[in-house]
Protein backbone atom coordinates (compact mmCIF):
# COMPACT_ATOMS: atom_id res chain seq x y z
CA UNK A 1 -1.02 2.81 -24.42
CA UNK A 2 0.70 1.34 -27.51
CA UNK A 3 4.46 1.23 -28.18
CA UNK A 4 6.87 -0.73 -30.34
CA UNK A 5 9.33 -3.25 -28.92
CA UNK A 6 12.59 -1.59 -28.06
CA UNK A 7 11.36 1.92 -27.49
CA UNK A 8 10.68 4.29 -24.69
CA UNK A 9 7.64 6.62 -24.52
CA UNK A 10 6.59 9.37 -22.09
CA UNK A 11 3.09 10.45 -21.19
CA UNK A 12 1.63 12.83 -18.62
CA UNK A 13 -1.43 12.52 -16.47
CA UNK A 14 -2.66 14.66 -13.58
CA UNK A 15 -3.47 13.47 -10.07
CA UNK A 16 -5.69 15.32 -7.56
CA UNK A 17 -5.58 15.01 -3.81
CA UNK A 18 -9.18 14.16 -3.04
CA UNK A 19 -8.75 15.02 0.72
CA UNK A 20 -9.43 18.24 2.60
CA UNK A 21 -5.92 18.14 4.17
CA UNK A 22 -2.25 17.83 3.06
CA UNK A 23 -1.27 14.31 1.97
CA UNK A 24 1.83 12.58 0.70
CA UNK A 25 1.41 9.83 -1.94
CA UNK A 26 3.92 7.29 -3.26
CA UNK A 27 3.42 5.96 -6.74
CA UNK A 28 4.33 2.26 -7.54
CA UNK A 29 3.67 -0.21 -10.33
CA UNK A 30 3.31 -4.01 -10.41
CA UNK A 31 5.43 -3.78 -13.63
CA UNK A 32 8.42 -1.71 -12.56
CA UNK A 33 10.40 -2.98 -15.51
CA UNK A 34 7.87 -1.31 -17.85
CA UNK A 35 6.44 1.85 -16.18
CA UNK A 36 8.19 4.45 -14.02
CA UNK A 37 6.71 7.59 -12.40
CA UNK A 38 8.14 11.11 -12.16
CA UNK A 39 8.01 12.13 -9.39
CA UNK A 40 7.49 8.85 -7.54
CA UNK A 41 6.30 10.74 -4.49
CA UNK A 42 3.76 13.53 -4.40
CA UNK A 43 3.38 16.00 -1.57
CA UNK A 44 0.06 17.65 -2.09
CA UNK A 45 -1.97 20.33 -0.31
CA UNK A 46 -5.75 19.75 0.09
CA UNK A 47 -7.46 19.49 -3.30
CA UNK A 48 -4.34 20.21 -5.23
CA UNK A 49 -3.70 18.75 -8.71
CA UNK A 50 -0.17 17.78 -9.86
CA UNK A 51 1.25 16.43 -13.08
CA UNK A 52 2.77 12.95 -13.09
CA UNK A 53 5.09 11.76 -15.83
CA UNK A 54 4.84 8.14 -16.95
CA UNK A 55 7.80 6.58 -18.68
CA UNK A 56 7.09 3.30 -20.59
CA UNK A 57 10.29 1.33 -21.27
CA UNK A 58 9.79 -1.45 -23.84
CA UNK A 59 13.46 -1.90 -24.59
CA UNK A 60 13.52 -5.42 -22.98
CA UNK A 61 9.94 -6.26 -23.80
CA UNK A 62 8.40 -8.92 -26.11
CA UNK A 63 5.22 -8.22 -28.20
CA UNK A 64 2.00 -8.66 -26.27
CA UNK A 65 -0.44 -6.96 -23.90
CA UNK A 66 0.62 -6.06 -20.33
CA UNK A 67 -1.72 -4.71 -17.70
CA UNK A 68 0.32 -2.39 -15.50
CA UNK A 69 -1.20 -1.33 -12.25
CA UNK A 70 -0.43 2.11 -10.79
CA UNK A 71 -0.71 2.05 -7.02
CA UNK A 72 -1.22 5.29 -5.16
CA UNK A 73 -0.15 4.72 -1.59
CA UNK A 74 -0.41 6.88 1.47
CA UNK A 75 2.48 7.71 3.85
CA UNK A 76 1.86 4.42 5.70
CA UNK A 77 2.17 2.59 2.38
CA UNK A 78 -1.52 1.59 2.28
CA UNK A 79 -3.11 1.64 -1.16
CA UNK A 80 -5.41 4.66 -1.64
CA UNK A 81 -6.14 4.03 -5.25
CA UNK A 82 -5.22 1.58 -8.07
CA UNK A 83 -5.38 2.47 -11.79
CA UNK A 84 -4.93 -0.03 -14.62
CA UNK A 85 -2.92 0.89 -17.71
CA UNK A 86 -3.16 -1.54 -20.58
CA UNK A 87 -0.03 -1.49 -22.55
CA UNK A 88 0.18 -3.10 -26.02
CA UNK A 89 3.76 -3.75 -27.14
CA UNK A 90 4.09 -4.54 -30.85
CA UNK A 91 6.82 -5.11 -33.48
């Protein structure tokens, strides 16, 4: 992901419940000042796929590269999956 300093950008991804039963997932980031998820909580039937909105907010950022981690946690707040999003913020 690349975005200029001082801007906000929106992207969409899809997430699939890999389990054969209903699951609830919570989305978090290690860089909450930079990336937000919509919705932050997914309630998904077995095998279902749902869109997830990612908002990147570089209004308070300085130029550089930031590795944002997206944690997909279960209903007990245990990490199910972790995805890395490399963000290049430029002038």
